C-alpha cells in the first residue's frame, strides 16, 4: 500500500486531473485506516475488515 501511495503521490504532483488527486486522497485514507486497524490489535481479528 505504501508503494501505491508513493506512486499516486508522484502522479498527482505531475497532474492537474481531478481523478488522480481524488485517487491519492482515497489511497491516503485507506493507508491510515489500515494502519489504525493493525495498531494494537490482533491481525487475525481484523482480517475481514482489512479485506472489505
N, C-alpha and C. Protein backbone atom coordinates (compact mmCIF):
# COMPACT_ATOMS: atom_id res chain seq x y z
N UNK A 1 0.82 -1.19 0.00
CA UNK A 1 0.00 0.00 0.00
C UNK A 1 0.86 1.25 0.00
N UNK A 2 1.96 1.18 0.71
CA UNK A 2 2.85 2.34 0.76
C UNK A 2 3.44 2.63 -0.62
N UNK A 3 3.76 1.59 -1.38
CA UNK A 3 4.29 1.78 -2.73
C UNK A 3 3.23 2.39 -3.64
N UNK A 4 2.00 1.93 -3.52
CA UNK A 4 0.90 2.51 -4.30
C UNK A 4 0.70 3.97 -3.94
N UNK A 5 0.76 4.28 -2.66
CA UNK A 5 0.60 5.67 -2.22
C UNK A 5 1.72 6.55 -2.79
N UNK A 6 2.94 6.03 -2.77
CA UNK A 6 4.08 6.79 -3.32
C UNK A 6 3.90 7.03 -4.81
N UNK A 7 3.46 6.02 -5.54
CA UNK A 7 3.25 6.18 -6.99
C UNK A 7 2.14 7.18 -7.27
N UNK A 8 1.07 7.12 -6.50
CA UNK A 8 -0.03 8.08 -6.70
C UNK A 8 0.39 9.50 -6.32
N UNK A 9 1.22 9.62 -5.30
CA UNK A 9 1.72 10.94 -4.91
C UNK A 9 2.54 11.54 -6.04
N UNK A 10 3.40 10.74 -6.65
CA UNK A 10 4.19 11.21 -7.79
C UNK A 10 3.29 11.60 -8.96
N UNK A 11 2.30 10.77 -9.25
CA UNK A 11 1.39 11.06 -10.36
C UNK A 11 0.59 12.32 -10.10
N UNK A 12 0.14 12.51 -8.88
CA UNK A 12 -0.66 13.69 -8.54
C UNK A 12 0.18 14.96 -8.63
N UNK A 13 1.47 14.85 -8.30
CA UNK A 13 2.34 16.01 -8.38
C UNK A 13 2.55 16.47 -9.83
N UNK A 14 2.44 15.52 -10.76
CA UNK A 14 2.64 15.84 -12.17
C UNK A 14 1.34 16.07 -12.93
N UNK A 15 0.21 15.94 -12.27
CA UNK A 15 -1.07 16.00 -12.97
C UNK A 15 -1.99 17.04 -12.35
N UNK A 16 -2.83 17.61 -13.18
CA UNK A 16 -3.84 18.52 -12.67
C UNK A 16 -5.24 17.91 -12.79
N UNK A 17 -5.29 16.61 -13.07
CA UNK A 17 -6.57 15.93 -13.22
C UNK A 17 -7.18 15.62 -11.86
N UNK A 18 -8.47 15.90 -11.75
CA UNK A 18 -9.20 15.65 -10.51
C UNK A 18 -9.14 14.18 -10.11
N UNK A 19 -9.26 13.29 -11.08
CA UNK A 19 -9.31 11.86 -10.79
C UNK A 19 -8.03 11.39 -10.10
N UNK A 20 -6.90 11.90 -10.52
CA UNK A 20 -5.62 11.50 -9.92
C UNK A 20 -5.53 12.02 -8.49
N UNK A 21 -5.90 13.27 -8.28
CA UNK A 21 -5.86 13.84 -6.93
C UNK A 21 -6.85 13.12 -6.01
N UNK A 22 -8.01 12.78 -6.54
CA UNK A 22 -9.02 12.08 -5.75
C UNK A 22 -8.54 10.67 -5.40
N UNK A 23 -7.92 9.99 -6.33
CA UNK A 23 -7.35 8.66 -6.06
C UNK A 23 -6.30 8.74 -4.96
N UNK A 24 -5.50 9.78 -4.97
CA UNK A 24 -4.50 9.97 -3.92
C UNK A 24 -5.16 10.17 -2.56
N UNK A 25 -6.23 10.94 -2.52
CA UNK A 25 -6.95 11.14 -1.25
C UNK A 25 -7.51 9.83 -0.72
N UNK A 26 -8.10 9.04 -1.60
CA UNK A 26 -8.66 7.75 -1.19
C UNK A 26 -7.55 6.83 -0.68
N UNK A 27 -6.45 6.76 -1.41
CA UNK A 27 -5.33 5.91 -1.01
C UNK A 27 -4.77 6.36 0.34
N UNK A 28 -4.67 7.66 0.53
CA UNK A 28 -4.16 8.20 1.79
C UNK A 28 -5.05 7.77 2.95
N UNK A 29 -6.36 7.89 2.78
CA UNK A 29 -7.29 7.49 3.83
C UNK A 29 -7.22 5.97 4.08
N UNK A 30 -7.12 5.19 3.02
CA UNK A 30 -7.04 3.74 3.16
C UNK A 30 -5.76 3.33 3.90
N UNK A 31 -4.67 3.99 3.58
CA UNK A 31 -3.39 3.69 4.23
C UNK A 31 -3.49 3.92 5.73
N UNK A 32 -4.06 5.05 6.12
CA UNK A 32 -4.16 5.36 7.54
C UNK A 32 -5.24 4.53 8.24
N UNK A 33 -6.32 4.21 7.53
CA UNK A 33 -7.34 3.32 8.12
C UNK A 33 -6.76 1.93 8.38
N UNK A 34 -5.95 1.44 7.46
CA UNK A 34 -5.32 0.14 7.62
C UNK A 34 -4.34 0.16 8.79
N UNK A 35 -3.55 1.21 8.87
CA UNK A 35 -2.60 1.33 9.98
C UNK A 35 -3.34 1.38 11.31
N UNK A 36 -4.47 2.07 11.34
CA UNK A 36 -5.27 2.16 12.56
C UNK A 36 -5.80 0.79 12.96
N UNK A 37 -6.27 0.01 11.99
CA UNK A 37 -6.78 -1.33 12.29
C UNK A 37 -5.70 -2.25 12.83
N UNK A 38 -4.51 -2.12 12.29
CA UNK A 38 -3.42 -3.02 12.68
C UNK A 38 -2.75 -2.62 13.98
N UNK A 39 -2.87 -1.37 14.34
CA UNK A 39 -2.17 -0.89 15.53
C UNK A 39 -2.84 -1.41 16.80
N UNK A 40 -2.09 -2.18 17.54
CA UNK A 40 -2.56 -2.65 18.82
C UNK A 40 -3.67 -3.69 18.78
N UNK A 41 -3.87 -4.33 17.63
CA UNK A 41 -4.91 -5.34 17.53
C UNK A 41 -4.33 -6.60 16.91
N UNK A 42 -4.99 -7.69 17.18
CA UNK A 42 -4.61 -8.96 16.58
C UNK A 42 -5.01 -8.95 15.11
N UNK A 43 -4.07 -9.20 14.22
CA UNK A 43 -4.35 -9.13 12.78
C UNK A 43 -5.39 -10.15 12.35
N UNK A 44 -5.47 -11.26 13.03
CA UNK A 44 -6.48 -12.26 12.67
C UNK A 44 -7.89 -11.75 12.94
N UNK A 45 -8.04 -10.96 13.99
CA UNK A 45 -9.37 -10.47 14.33
C UNK A 45 -9.84 -9.35 13.40
N UNK A 46 -8.93 -8.69 12.72
CA UNK A 46 -9.32 -7.59 11.83
C UNK A 46 -9.18 -7.96 10.35
N UNK A 47 -8.84 -9.19 10.04
CA UNK A 47 -8.59 -9.56 8.65
C UNK A 47 -9.83 -9.34 7.77
N UNK A 48 -11.03 -9.60 8.26
CA UNK A 48 -12.23 -9.38 7.48
C UNK A 48 -12.43 -7.89 7.19
N UNK A 49 -12.11 -7.05 8.18
CA UNK A 49 -12.21 -5.60 7.97
C UNK A 49 -11.19 -5.11 6.96
N UNK A 50 -9.99 -5.69 7.00
CA UNK A 50 -8.97 -5.30 6.04
C UNK A 50 -9.36 -5.69 4.62
N UNK A 51 -9.96 -6.86 4.47
CA UNK A 51 -10.38 -7.31 3.15
C UNK A 51 -11.48 -6.41 2.60
N UNK A 52 -12.41 -6.03 3.44
CA UNK A 52 -13.50 -5.18 2.95
C UNK A 52 -13.03 -3.77 2.77
